[in-house]
Every structure is written in structure tokens, then in C-alpha cells.
N, C-alpha and C. Protein backbone atom coordinates (compact mmCIF):
# COMPACT_ATOMS: atom_id res chain seq x y z
N MET A 1 -45.17 -7.78 -32.71
CA MET A 1 -44.65 -5.74 -32.30
C MET A 1 -45.39 -5.22 -33.37
N ASN A 2 -45.52 -4.46 -33.44
CA ASN A 2 -45.87 -3.69 -34.56
C ASN A 2 -45.37 -3.15 -35.43
N LYS A 3 -45.96 -2.21 -36.40
CA LYS A 3 -44.29 -1.68 -36.82
C LYS A 3 -44.46 0.02 -36.60
N PRO A 4 -45.49 0.84 -36.53
CA PRO A 4 -45.45 1.96 -35.39
C PRO A 4 -44.74 1.69 -34.35
N ILE A 5 -44.59 0.73 -33.39
CA ILE A 5 -43.82 0.64 -32.10
C ILE A 5 -42.40 1.11 -32.66
N LEU A 6 -42.48 -0.36 -33.59
CA LEU A 6 -40.81 -0.67 -33.95
C LEU A 6 -40.46 0.77 -33.88
N ARG A 7 -41.19 1.40 -35.35
CA ARG A 7 -40.44 2.47 -35.46
C ARG A 7 -39.97 3.98 -33.87
N GLN A 8 -41.06 3.60 -33.64
CA GLN A 8 -40.84 4.50 -32.45
C GLN A 8 -39.59 3.83 -31.70
N LEU A 9 -39.17 2.87 -31.35
CA LEU A 9 -38.62 2.08 -30.30
C LEU A 9 -36.92 2.54 -31.28
N TRP A 10 -37.54 2.30 -32.65
CA TRP A 10 -35.63 3.19 -33.62
C TRP A 10 -35.43 4.17 -33.14
N GLN A 11 -35.93 5.09 -32.71
CA GLN A 11 -36.08 6.42 -32.99
C GLN A 11 -35.09 6.67 -31.36
N TYR A 12 -35.05 6.31 -30.63
CA TYR A 12 -34.60 5.90 -29.17
C TYR A 12 -33.31 5.02 -30.06
N ILE A 13 -33.10 4.13 -30.00
CA ILE A 13 -31.30 2.85 -30.07
C ILE A 13 -31.14 3.44 -31.37
N HIS A 14 -31.24 4.56 -32.70
CA HIS A 14 -30.89 4.80 -33.50
C HIS A 14 -29.32 5.99 -33.27
N LYS A 15 -29.55 6.62 -31.96
CA LYS A 15 -29.01 7.58 -31.43
C LYS A 15 -28.26 7.28 -30.78
N VAL A 16 -27.92 6.16 -30.07
CA VAL A 16 -27.47 5.72 -29.56
C VAL A 16 -26.32 4.36 -30.52
N HIS A 17 -25.18 5.20 -30.64
CA HIS A 17 -24.67 4.09 -32.13
C HIS A 17 -23.47 3.41 -31.23
N PRO A 18 -23.33 1.77 -31.90
CA PRO A 18 -22.53 1.01 -31.59
C PRO A 18 -21.19 1.55 -31.11
N TRP A 19 -20.38 2.42 -32.15
CA TRP A 19 -19.07 2.71 -32.61
C TRP A 19 -18.79 3.28 -31.13
N TYR A 20 -19.54 3.97 -30.35
CA TYR A 20 -19.34 4.67 -29.12
C TYR A 20 -19.17 4.34 -27.72
N PHE A 21 -19.73 2.39 -28.29
CA PHE A 21 -19.31 1.83 -27.60
C PHE A 21 -17.46 1.30 -27.11
N LEU A 22 -17.47 0.92 -28.55
CA LEU A 22 -16.00 0.67 -28.79
C LEU A 22 -15.03 1.51 -28.47
N LEU A 23 -15.45 2.89 -28.82
CA LEU A 23 -14.38 3.73 -28.57
C LEU A 23 -13.99 3.51 -26.74
N VAL A 24 -15.24 3.69 -25.95
CA VAL A 24 -15.23 3.76 -24.80
C VAL A 24 -13.96 2.72 -24.52
N ALA A 25 -14.95 1.17 -24.93
CA ALA A 25 -13.59 0.26 -25.27
C ALA A 25 -12.03 -0.26 -25.14
N LEU A 26 -11.75 0.60 -26.36
CA LEU A 26 -10.77 0.78 -26.82
C LEU A 26 -9.52 1.88 -25.70
N VAL A 27 -10.47 2.95 -25.08
CA VAL A 27 -9.70 4.52 -24.36
C VAL A 27 -9.61 3.31 -23.00
N SER A 28 -10.54 2.44 -22.64
CA SER A 28 -10.00 1.72 -21.68
C SER A 28 -9.02 0.45 -21.68
N LEU A 29 -9.34 0.75 -22.72
CA LEU A 29 -8.06 -0.72 -22.45
C LEU A 29 -6.33 -0.02 -22.95
N ALA A 30 -6.50 1.11 -23.28
CA ALA A 30 -5.22 2.07 -23.69
C ALA A 30 -4.65 2.24 -22.51
N ILE A 31 -5.55 2.37 -21.26
CA ILE A 31 -5.55 3.12 -20.02
C ILE A 31 -4.48 1.38 -19.04
N ALA A 32 -5.44 0.50 -19.35
CA ALA A 32 -5.27 -0.34 -18.47
C ALA A 32 -4.17 -1.27 -18.90
N ILE A 33 -3.52 -1.51 -20.23
CA ILE A 33 -1.99 -1.45 -20.06
C ILE A 33 -0.55 -1.07 -20.04
N PRO A 34 -1.11 0.35 -19.92
CA PRO A 34 -0.23 1.00 -18.79
C PRO A 34 -0.02 0.82 -18.05
N ALA A 35 -0.66 0.28 -17.25
CA ALA A 35 -1.90 0.31 -15.60
C ALA A 35 -0.61 -1.37 -15.10
N LEU A 36 -1.28 -2.10 -16.24
CA LEU A 36 -0.40 -3.21 -16.07
C LEU A 36 0.70 -3.28 -15.87
N ARG A 37 1.60 -3.02 -17.24
CA ARG A 37 3.21 -2.74 -17.25
C ARG A 37 3.40 -2.22 -15.68
N LYS A 38 2.69 -1.08 -14.66
CA LYS A 38 3.31 -0.23 -14.05
C LYS A 38 3.16 -0.97 -12.42
N ASN A 39 2.13 -2.12 -12.98
CA ASN A 39 1.93 -2.96 -11.82
C ASN A 39 2.93 -4.43 -11.63
N ASN A 40 4.01 -3.92 -12.61
CA ASN A 40 4.99 -5.42 -12.83
C ASN A 40 5.72 -4.74 -12.74
N GLU A 41 6.03 -3.69 -13.29
CA GLU A 41 7.76 -3.05 -12.34
C GLU A 41 7.32 -2.57 -10.93
N GLN A 42 6.62 -2.11 -10.31
CA GLN A 42 6.55 -2.28 -8.84
C GLN A 42 7.04 -3.42 -8.27
N MET A 43 6.36 -4.43 -8.83
CA MET A 43 6.14 -5.65 -8.38
C MET A 43 8.16 -6.03 -7.97
N VAL A 44 9.06 -5.40 -9.51
CA VAL A 44 9.92 -5.72 -9.93
C VAL A 44 11.03 -4.84 -8.84
N GLN A 45 10.84 -3.77 -8.42
CA GLN A 45 11.26 -2.61 -7.94
C GLN A 45 11.05 -3.84 -6.20
N LEU A 46 10.39 -3.84 -6.09
CA LEU A 46 10.21 -4.67 -4.45
C LEU A 46 11.01 -6.28 -4.31
N ARG A 47 10.71 -6.34 -5.50
CA ARG A 47 11.51 -7.75 -5.27
C ARG A 47 13.23 -7.51 -5.24
N GLU A 48 13.20 -6.66 -5.67
CA GLU A 48 14.87 -6.20 -5.73
C GLU A 48 14.90 -6.08 -4.43
N ALA A 49 14.29 -4.76 -3.71
CA ALA A 49 14.04 -4.16 -2.34
C ALA A 49 14.68 -5.29 -1.28
N VAL A 50 13.69 -7.07 -1.75
CA VAL A 50 13.79 -7.88 -0.49
C VAL A 50 15.27 -7.82 -1.07
N TYR A 51 15.72 -8.20 -2.14
CA TYR A 51 17.55 -9.39 -2.70
C TYR A 51 18.17 -8.39 -1.70
N THR A 52 17.98 -6.44 -1.47
CA THR A 52 18.75 -5.87 -1.50
C THR A 52 18.79 -6.05 -0.06
N ALA A 53 17.97 -6.19 0.35
CA ALA A 53 17.72 -6.29 2.03
C ALA A 53 18.55 -7.93 2.35
N ASP A 54 18.21 -9.02 1.83
CA ASP A 54 19.08 -10.03 1.90
C ASP A 54 20.61 -10.03 2.06
N ARG A 55 20.58 -9.27 0.79
CA ARG A 55 22.53 -9.00 0.84
C ARG A 55 22.26 -8.18 1.52
N ASP A 56 22.02 -7.58 2.52
CA ASP A 56 23.14 -6.14 3.01
C ASP A 56 22.38 -6.39 4.89
N ASN A 57 21.45 -7.58 5.10
CA ASN A 57 21.28 -8.03 6.57
C ASN A 57 20.11 -6.88 6.68
N GLY A 58 19.25 -6.33 5.67
CA GLY A 58 18.70 -5.30 6.69
C GLY A 58 17.56 -6.27 6.81
N ASP A 59 16.37 -4.92 6.71
CA ASP A 59 14.96 -5.38 7.40
C ASP A 59 14.26 -6.30 6.37
N VAL A 60 14.77 -7.84 6.09
CA VAL A 60 14.04 -8.07 5.13
C VAL A 60 12.40 -9.03 5.61
N GLU A 61 11.98 -8.75 6.61
CA GLU A 61 10.73 -9.03 6.82
C GLU A 61 9.59 -7.78 6.28
N ALA A 62 10.45 -6.57 6.30
CA ALA A 62 9.35 -5.33 6.13
C ALA A 62 9.13 -5.65 4.59
N ALA A 63 10.26 -5.75 3.76
CA ALA A 63 10.55 -5.74 2.20
C ALA A 63 9.66 -6.72 2.15
N ILE A 64 9.62 -8.19 2.11
CA ILE A 64 8.92 -9.00 1.96
C ILE A 64 7.32 -8.73 2.01
N ARG A 65 7.28 -8.23 3.20
CA ARG A 65 5.68 -7.91 3.25
C ARG A 65 4.96 -6.71 2.79
N ALA A 66 5.65 -5.29 1.94
CA ALA A 66 6.15 -5.08 0.96
C ALA A 66 5.34 -6.23 -0.06
N LEU A 67 6.57 -6.31 -0.46
CA LEU A 67 6.30 -7.30 -1.79
C LEU A 67 4.96 -8.29 -1.63
N ARG A 68 4.71 -8.86 -0.86
CA ARG A 68 3.45 -9.81 -0.51
C ARG A 68 2.25 -8.85 -0.75
N GLU A 69 1.99 -7.88 -0.12
CA GLU A 69 1.03 -6.65 -0.18
C GLU A 69 0.27 -6.81 -1.04
N HIS A 70 1.89 -5.85 -2.55
CA HIS A 70 1.32 -5.75 -3.57
C HIS A 70 1.48 -6.45 -4.47
N VAL A 71 1.52 -8.04 -4.39
CA VAL A 71 1.11 -8.67 -5.05
C VAL A 71 0.03 -9.36 -5.48
N TYR A 72 -0.45 -10.05 -4.00
CA TYR A 72 -1.81 -9.95 -3.63
C TYR A 72 -2.86 -8.39 -4.04
N GLY A 73 -2.20 -7.60 -4.14
CA GLY A 73 -3.26 -6.40 -4.18
C GLY A 73 -3.77 -6.00 -5.22
N HIS A 74 -2.57 -6.63 -6.71
CA HIS A 74 -2.74 -6.01 -7.68
C HIS A 74 -2.34 -7.43 -8.85
N MET A 75 -3.39 -7.11 -10.01
CA MET A 75 -3.15 -8.08 -11.24
C MET A 75 -1.52 -7.89 -11.95
N ASN A 76 -1.49 -8.47 -12.78
CA ASN A 76 0.19 -8.74 -13.58
C ASN A 76 1.00 -8.25 -12.54
N THR A 77 1.41 -9.40 -11.14
CA THR A 77 2.38 -9.11 -10.09
C THR A 77 3.11 -10.80 -10.14
N SER A 78 2.74 -11.95 -10.72
CA SER A 78 3.21 -13.08 -11.17
C SER A 78 4.35 -12.69 -10.23
N LEU A 79 5.27 -13.67 -10.18
CA LEU A 79 6.65 -13.80 -9.35
C LEU A 79 7.31 -14.67 -10.70
N THR A 80 6.64 -15.85 -11.11
CA THR A 80 6.78 -16.49 -11.48
C THR A 80 6.64 -16.67 -13.45
N THR A 81 7.67 -16.05 -14.04
CA THR A 81 7.37 -15.84 -14.97
C THR A 81 8.54 -16.95 -15.97
N GLY A 82 8.30 -17.44 -17.26
CA GLY A 82 8.85 -18.02 -18.05
C GLY A 82 8.98 -19.84 -17.81
N PRO A 83 9.14 -20.52 -19.14
CA PRO A 83 8.71 -21.68 -18.48
C PRO A 83 10.19 -22.68 -17.17
N ASN A 84 11.46 -22.02 -17.73
CA ASN A 84 12.58 -22.72 -17.07
C ASN A 84 12.60 -21.63 -15.57
N ALA A 85 11.74 -21.28 -15.13
CA ALA A 85 11.72 -20.33 -13.78
C ALA A 85 11.43 -20.67 -13.02
N VAL A 86 12.56 -20.77 -11.80
CA VAL A 86 12.22 -21.54 -10.42
C VAL A 86 11.83 -21.08 -9.47
N HIS A 87 11.22 -22.98 -8.68
CA HIS A 87 10.04 -22.33 -7.33
C HIS A 87 10.50 -22.94 -6.31
N PRO A 88 10.09 -22.52 -5.00
CA PRO A 88 9.95 -20.52 -5.95
C PRO A 88 10.28 -19.82 -5.54
N PRO A 89 9.50 -18.82 -6.65
CA PRO A 89 10.83 -17.57 -6.82
C PRO A 89 10.87 -17.24 -6.11
N ILE A 90 11.43 -16.97 -5.02
CA ILE A 90 12.20 -16.30 -4.17
C ILE A 90 12.57 -16.53 -3.32
N GLN A 91 14.10 -16.99 -3.41
CA GLN A 91 15.11 -17.82 -2.59
C GLN A 91 16.18 -16.70 -1.73
N LEU A 92 16.07 -16.66 -0.77
CA LEU A 92 16.45 -15.54 -0.10
C LEU A 92 18.26 -16.34 0.09
N LYS A 93 19.03 -16.25 -1.03
CA LYS A 93 20.38 -17.20 -0.31
C LYS A 93 21.25 -16.24 1.00
N TYR A 94 21.49 -15.56 1.50
CA TYR A 94 21.99 -14.72 1.86
C TYR A 94 21.31 -14.90 3.61
N SER A 95 20.16 -15.34 3.59
CA SER A 95 19.07 -15.70 4.50
C SER A 95 19.70 -17.00 5.29
N TYR A 96 19.65 -17.89 4.34
CA TYR A 96 20.14 -19.55 4.22
C TYR A 96 21.19 -19.14 4.74
N GLU A 97 22.59 -18.38 4.20
CA GLU A 97 24.12 -18.43 4.52
C GLU A 97 23.79 -18.13 6.59
N ARG A 98 23.35 -16.80 6.33
CA ARG A 98 22.78 -16.96 7.88
C ARG A 98 22.60 -17.57 8.39
N ALA A 99 21.81 -18.54 8.30
CA ALA A 99 21.54 -19.60 9.11
C ALA A 99 21.73 -21.07 9.35
N GLN A 100 23.00 -20.94 8.42
CA GLN A 100 23.72 -21.49 8.39
C GLN A 100 24.68 -21.61 9.18
N ALA A 101 25.14 -20.16 9.01
CA ALA A 101 26.03 -20.21 10.05
C ALA A 101 25.65 -20.61 10.89
N THR A 102 24.82 -20.00 11.46
CA THR A 102 24.21 -20.42 12.70
C THR A 102 24.58 -21.95 13.33
N GLN A 103 23.55 -22.65 12.14
CA GLN A 103 23.92 -23.99 12.55
C GLN A 103 25.58 -24.23 13.70
N GLN A 104 26.21 -23.96 11.99
CA GLN A 104 27.79 -24.25 12.01
C GLN A 104 28.39 -23.61 12.98
N GLN A 105 28.16 -22.56 13.88
CA GLN A 105 28.57 -22.61 15.32
C GLN A 105 28.30 -23.76 16.20
N GLN A 106 27.24 -23.93 16.23
CA GLN A 106 26.62 -25.16 17.04
C GLN A 106 27.33 -26.41 16.48
N LEU A 107 28.18 -26.56 15.61
CA LEU A 107 28.81 -27.64 15.80
C LEU A 107 30.21 -28.65 16.59
N GLY A 108 30.40 -27.69 17.31
CA GLY A 108 31.76 -27.00 18.41
C GLY A 108 33.07 -27.55 17.54
N PRO A 109 34.10 -26.98 18.59
CA PRO A 109 35.23 -27.72 17.97
C PRO A 109 35.93 -28.29 17.31
N GLY A 110 36.25 -28.13 16.23
CA GLY A 110 36.50 -29.19 15.59
C GLY A 110 35.92 -29.77 14.26
N ARG A 111 34.89 -28.94 14.44
CA ARG A 111 33.99 -29.47 12.95
C ARG A 111 33.43 -28.36 12.56
N SER A 112 33.64 -27.02 12.78
CA SER A 112 33.48 -25.74 12.14
C SER A 112 33.80 -25.73 10.78
N ASN A 113 34.26 -26.53 9.92
CA ASN A 113 34.89 -25.94 8.89
C ASN A 113 33.90 -27.21 7.88
N LEU A 114 33.51 -28.14 8.80
CA LEU A 114 32.87 -29.02 7.49
C LEU A 114 32.06 -28.21 6.74
N TYR A 115 31.37 -27.56 7.14
CA TYR A 115 29.96 -26.47 6.97
C TYR A 115 30.42 -25.90 5.69
N HIS A 116 31.67 -25.37 5.86
CA HIS A 116 32.19 -24.74 4.49
C HIS A 116 32.94 -25.55 3.64
N GLU A 117 33.35 -26.94 3.76
CA GLU A 117 33.89 -27.62 3.06
C GLU A 117 33.00 -28.00 2.16
N ALA A 118 31.55 -28.31 2.98
CA ALA A 118 30.40 -28.97 2.30
C ALA A 118 29.48 -27.67 1.36
N GLN A 119 29.87 -26.87 1.19
CA GLN A 119 29.11 -25.27 0.68
C GLN A 119 30.35 -25.67 -1.15
N ALA A 120 31.46 -25.77 -0.34
CA ALA A 120 32.92 -25.66 -1.51
C ALA A 120 32.12 -27.10 -2.26
N SER A 121 32.20 -27.92 -1.92
CA SER A 121 32.00 -29.20 -2.07
C SER A 121 30.60 -29.03 -3.97
N CYS A 122 29.77 -28.42 -2.65
CA CYS A 122 28.02 -28.79 -3.52
C CYS A 122 27.75 -27.43 -4.72
N GLU A 123 28.91 -25.97 -4.28
CA GLU A 123 29.39 -25.19 -5.51
C GLU A 123 29.90 -25.23 -6.29
N ALA A 124 31.33 -26.67 -6.03
CA ALA A 124 32.10 -27.05 -6.70
C ALA A 124 31.13 -27.86 -7.64
N GLU A 125 30.24 -28.67 -7.73
CA GLU A 125 29.74 -29.12 -8.26
C GLU A 125 28.76 -29.18 -9.18
N ASN A 126 28.07 -27.74 -8.87
CA ASN A 126 27.12 -27.05 -9.18
C ASN A 126 26.92 -25.75 -9.40
N PRO A 127 27.73 -24.66 -10.17
CA PRO A 127 27.87 -23.61 -8.85
C PRO A 127 26.92 -22.73 -9.16
N ASN A 128 25.38 -23.07 -10.17
CA ASN A 128 24.22 -22.57 -10.41
C ASN A 128 23.19 -23.61 -9.59
N MET A 129 23.46 -23.41 -8.56
CA MET A 129 22.27 -24.67 -7.70
C MET A 129 21.47 -24.18 -6.63
N THR A 130 20.36 -24.26 -7.41
CA THR A 130 19.40 -23.70 -6.27
C THR A 130 19.28 -23.48 -4.74
N ALA A 131 19.26 -22.88 -3.91
CA ALA A 131 18.75 -22.79 -2.51
C ALA A 131 18.92 -24.41 -1.90
N PRO A 132 16.94 -24.06 -2.63
CA PRO A 132 17.04 -26.04 -2.43
C PRO A 132 17.54 -26.84 -2.37
N ASP A 133 18.40 -27.36 -3.33
CA ASP A 133 19.26 -28.42 -4.14
C ASP A 133 20.50 -28.41 -3.13
N LEU A 134 20.91 -27.02 -2.85
CA LEU A 134 22.37 -26.40 -2.10
C LEU A 134 22.52 -26.71 -0.19
N VAL A 135 20.96 -26.88 0.04
CA VAL A 135 20.39 -27.32 1.19
C VAL A 135 20.75 -28.96 1.91
N ALA A 136 19.55 -29.43 0.19
CA ALA A 136 19.97 -30.97 0.43
C ALA A 136 21.07 -31.73 -0.22
N CYS A 137 21.95 -30.68 -0.74
CA CYS A 137 23.15 -31.36 -1.15
C CYS A 137 24.47 -31.32 0.11
N VAL A 138 24.52 -30.01 1.06
CA VAL A 138 25.01 -30.04 2.26
C VAL A 138 24.94 -30.39 3.70
N GLU A 139 23.51 -30.71 3.60
CA GLU A 139 23.04 -31.78 4.48
C GLU A 139 23.50 -33.81 3.66
N ALA A 140 23.19 -33.83 3.18
CA ALA A 140 24.17 -35.29 2.34
C ALA A 140 25.46 -35.28 2.71
N TYR A 141 26.24 -34.27 2.44
CA TYR A 141 27.58 -33.74 2.77
C TYR A 141 28.05 -34.16 3.97
N THR A 142 27.26 -33.33 5.03
CA THR A 142 27.91 -33.60 6.53
C THR A 142 26.95 -35.59 7.40
N ALA A 143 26.01 -35.31 6.16
CA ALA A 143 25.73 -36.75 7.47
C ALA A 143 26.72 -37.82 6.97
N ALA A 144 26.89 -37.66 5.64
CA ALA A 144 28.16 -38.93 4.94
C ALA A 144 29.47 -38.99 6.09
N ARG A 145 29.69 -37.82 7.01
CA ARG A 145 30.80 -37.70 7.69
C ARG A 145 30.73 -37.87 9.13
N GLY A 146 29.18 -38.59 9.29
CA GLY A 146 28.84 -38.07 10.68
C GLY A 146 28.13 -37.20 11.19
N VAL A 147 27.44 -36.14 10.95
CA VAL A 147 26.91 -34.92 11.75
C VAL A 147 25.83 -35.07 11.11
N GLN A 148 24.40 -35.03 11.93
CA GLN A 148 23.84 -34.97 11.55
C GLN A 148 22.65 -32.79 11.07
N LEU A 149 22.87 -32.49 11.17
CA LEU A 149 22.05 -31.15 10.70
C LEU A 149 21.05 -31.26 10.43
N GLY A 150 20.47 -30.16 11.43
CA GLY A 150 18.95 -29.25 11.86
C GLY A 150 18.97 -28.83 10.54
N THR A 151 17.27 -29.29 9.79
CA THR A 151 17.06 -29.03 9.15
C THR A 151 16.67 -27.00 9.22
N ILE A 152 16.99 -26.41 7.99
CA ILE A 152 17.10 -24.92 7.59
C ILE A 152 15.16 -25.08 7.76
N PRO A 153 14.36 -24.56 8.50
CA PRO A 153 12.96 -24.26 7.43
C PRO A 153 13.11 -23.45 6.57
N ASP A 154 12.02 -23.89 5.47
CA ASP A 154 11.94 -22.92 4.13
C ASP A 154 11.20 -21.96 4.53
N ALA A 155 10.76 -21.30 5.54
CA ALA A 155 10.18 -20.08 5.93
C ALA A 155 10.63 -18.91 6.18
N LEU A 156 12.06 -19.48 6.46
CA LEU A 156 13.41 -18.65 6.70
C LEU A 156 13.85 -18.12 4.99
N TYR A 157 13.90 -18.68 4.12
CA TYR A 157 14.61 -18.05 2.98
C TYR A 157 13.70 -18.38 2.07
N LYS A 158 12.74 -19.22 1.64
CA LYS A 158 11.78 -18.98 0.36
C LYS A 158 10.54 -18.91 0.19
N PHE A 159 10.27 -18.28 -0.56
CA PHE A 159 9.08 -17.67 -0.52
C PHE A 159 8.36 -17.52 -1.54
N ASP A 160 7.06 -17.50 -1.83
CA ASP A 160 5.97 -17.67 -3.23
C ASP A 160 4.82 -17.21 -2.65
N PHE A 161 4.09 -15.90 -3.59
CA PHE A 161 3.29 -15.15 -3.51
C PHE A 161 1.98 -15.71 -5.15
N THR A 162 0.34 -15.53 -4.32
CA THR A 162 -0.06 -15.33 -5.69
C THR A 162 -0.20 -14.44 -6.59
N SER A 163 -0.33 -13.79 -7.62
CA SER A 163 -1.15 -12.53 -7.97
C SER A 163 -2.47 -12.55 -8.11
N ALA A 164 -3.19 -11.71 -7.43
CA ALA A 164 -4.54 -11.05 -7.55
C ALA A 164 -4.98 -11.03 -9.39
N LYS A 165 -5.80 -12.29 -9.43
CA LYS A 165 -6.66 -12.31 -10.52
C LYS A 165 -7.45 -10.79 -11.21
N TRP A 166 -8.15 -9.95 -10.41
CA TRP A 166 -8.91 -8.85 -10.38
C TRP A 166 -8.13 -8.09 -9.24
N SER A 167 -8.11 -7.02 -9.74
CA SER A 167 -7.65 -5.89 -8.47
C SER A 167 -8.53 -4.44 -8.28
N PRO A 168 -8.91 -3.86 -7.20
CA PRO A 168 -9.79 -2.54 -7.67
C PRO A 168 -8.64 -1.63 -7.68
N ASP A 169 -7.97 -1.58 -8.65
CA ASP A 169 -7.04 -0.80 -9.05
C ASP A 169 -7.37 0.11 -10.50
N VAL A 170 -5.91 0.68 -11.25
CA VAL A 170 -7.04 1.36 -12.43
C VAL A 170 -6.65 0.36 -13.48
N ALA A 171 -5.93 -0.37 -13.44
CA ALA A 171 -5.98 -1.46 -14.27
C ALA A 171 -6.57 -2.45 -14.14
N GLY A 172 -7.38 -2.80 -12.63
CA GLY A 172 -8.79 -3.08 -12.77
C GLY A 172 -9.43 -3.09 -13.30
N TRP A 173 -10.10 -1.83 -12.70
CA TRP A 173 -11.75 -1.04 -13.47
C TRP A 173 -11.40 -0.95 -14.77
N SER A 174 -10.60 -0.29 -15.42
CA SER A 174 -10.37 -0.24 -16.46
C SER A 174 -10.51 -1.36 -17.47
N LEU A 175 -10.32 -2.65 -17.25
CA LEU A 175 -10.45 -3.97 -17.81
C LEU A 175 -11.72 -4.22 -17.97
N VAL A 176 -12.45 -4.27 -16.54
CA VAL A 176 -14.03 -3.88 -16.88
C VAL A 176 -14.41 -2.90 -17.41
N VAL A 177 -14.40 -1.79 -17.40
CA VAL A 177 -14.64 -1.04 -18.51
C VAL A 177 -14.91 -1.42 -19.56
N ALA A 178 -13.39 -1.55 -20.73
CA ALA A 178 -13.00 -2.24 -21.63
C ALA A 178 -14.06 -3.90 -22.37
N VAL A 179 -14.18 -4.16 -20.95
CA VAL A 179 -14.56 -5.49 -20.85
C VAL A 179 -16.25 -5.64 -21.67
N LEU A 180 -16.76 -4.56 -20.49
CA LEU A 180 -18.53 -3.81 -21.00
C LEU A 180 -18.73 -3.07 -22.13
N GLY A 181 -17.81 -2.32 -22.93
CA GLY A 181 -17.78 -1.49 -23.64
C GLY A 181 -17.82 -2.83 -24.93
N GLY A 182 -16.86 -3.78 -24.81
CA GLY A 182 -17.25 -4.57 -26.46
C GLY A 182 -18.40 -5.40 -26.15
N VAL A 183 -18.46 -6.05 -24.91
CA VAL A 183 -20.40 -6.69 -25.29
C VAL A 183 -21.43 -5.37 -25.78
N LEU A 184 -21.37 -4.63 -24.67
CA LEU A 184 -22.56 -2.96 -25.67
C LEU A 184 -21.73 -3.19 -26.83
N PHE A 185 -20.72 -2.61 -27.61
CA PHE A 185 -20.78 -2.34 -28.86
C PHE A 185 -21.58 -3.99 -29.38
N PHE A 186 -21.18 -4.94 -29.41
CA PHE A 186 -21.71 -6.65 -30.28
C PHE A 186 -23.40 -6.24 -29.98
N VAL A 187 -23.52 -5.85 -28.49
CA VAL A 187 -25.56 -6.00 -28.12
C VAL A 187 -26.22 -5.10 -29.43
N THR A 188 -25.37 -3.90 -29.30
CA THR A 188 -26.06 -3.07 -29.51
C THR A 188 -26.62 -2.88 -31.61
N ALA A 189 -24.77 -3.38 -31.42
CA ALA A 189 -24.89 -3.33 -32.94
C ALA A 189 -25.61 -4.85 -34.20
N ILE A 190 -25.65 -5.78 -33.01
CA ILE A 190 -26.95 -6.69 -33.44
C ILE A 190 -27.82 -6.34 -33.15
N TYR A 191 -28.70 -5.55 -31.90
CA TYR A 191 -30.15 -5.30 -31.49
C TYR A 191 -30.93 -3.88 -32.91
N ARG A 192 -29.72 -3.38 -33.36
CA ARG A 192 -30.22 -2.23 -34.12
C ARG A 192 -30.64 -3.16 -35.67
N TRP A 193 -29.26 -3.90 -36.03
CA TRP A 193 -29.67 -4.60 -37.61
C TRP A 193 -30.83 -5.44 -36.76
N ILE A 194 -31.43 -6.05 -36.55
CA ILE A 194 -32.63 -6.78 -36.11
C ILE A 194 -33.92 -5.96 -36.06
N LEU A 195 -33.60 -4.36 -35.43
CA LEU A 195 -34.36 -3.75 -35.59
C LEU A 195 -35.05 -2.79 -36.85
N LYS A 196 -33.80 -2.58 -37.18
CA LYS A 196 -33.86 -2.35 -38.69
C LYS A 196 -34.55 -3.43 -40.06
N GLN A 197 -34.30 -4.41 -39.41
CA GLN A 197 -34.74 -5.58 -40.78
C GLN A 197 -36.29 -5.81 -40.30
N LEU A 198 -37.05 -5.53 -38.79
CA LEU A 198 -37.79 -5.69 -38.85
C LEU A 198 -39.04 -4.49 -39.24
N ILE A 199 -38.40 -3.45 -39.08
CA ILE A 199 -39.17 -1.83 -39.88
C ILE A 199 -39.20 -1.87 -41.00
N LYS A 200 -38.60 -3.01 -41.94
CA LYS A 200 -38.38 -2.35 -43.41
C LYS A 200 -39.71 -3.25 -43.91
């Protein structure tokens, strides 16, 4: 390619400054960070609504559905955080206890207190016991006394949802623009430098 053509190309290229793309990337990133935080804060509110519905014997199913839809549809909404996080992250204590009470009624006369004894014994052994561990402990306690309990299905009180890797919301599109802006900054900066060297 001869120098006259390179100079003509430079007339167009030098008008597109790389710093414009960097500015776009930084502004987009400044929009994406609060949007990601908002996604997470809304997940926390919906998770609390699930726990409240569980405690108050409200519409747990609707609360779980709202939480699931938000987590599946938005970035930065992981329910599991930290190295010591419980898995699965949603364990509905009161839903489990209600299912447990239903089983207790089916034990028949003379054995209705066995559930209370088992639960008290297990909680005294470890007050911070998670719901799955409590289930196992209660079942072991009653089995040792000749009573086989039906297993309470996990689906009644344990839940886990996977956060979206990317979502078509403010946070997702802002990150896309930020990445494109960063890539275009480097591409145009390198291209301008090469073109300058060639027309010297």
C-alpha cells in the first residue's frame, strides 16, 4: 500500500480517537456496577420474603417462584456466598417442621411425643444444626426406638437456583458495551500507531 493511500486513510482514522472508546467503556462500567448491586439487593429482599412466608405459613410457593425467576433472569444473584455457605442455600425450617408435625400425627397414640424428644435431643446435641442434618438426626433417633419414619422429600423445604451468567438487563447490556468499548480502545490505539509508523 503506497503512502498517498495511507495518508488518505489516516485522514479518516485520526478523527476517531481511542480515548472516546475508553470513555464509553468507563461510563458503561459505572452504570453496570450499581445495576449488578441492585440485582443482588433485590435477590436478598426476595429471599427474605421466602423466609417470612415460611415462618408465617404464608404463600411459600409464590415467594419461591418470584425468587427463582429473579435469580434465573439476572446476573449477580447467586444464593450461595462465602466459603462456609450452607448448601443448598435455601432451607425452610418451618416448612420442614410442619411436614414433621404431619408425620408426628401419623405415629398414633403413645408415640406422639417421640418426635419432640428426637428434635429436642438433636438440637441439644448441636443447636446450629442445618435442616438436612436435623432430618437425619431425628430419623436416627426414632429408628433406634423402633419407629421408622417416612423421609420428608427435600423438594418441600430445600431449594437452590443458579444465577444467570449474563442477563439482558441494564447490568448485562452495560457490561457488553464496556467490554466492546475496551476492545475498540485497544484496537484503534494500535491501528493508529501502526498507521503513523507507515506514513512517516
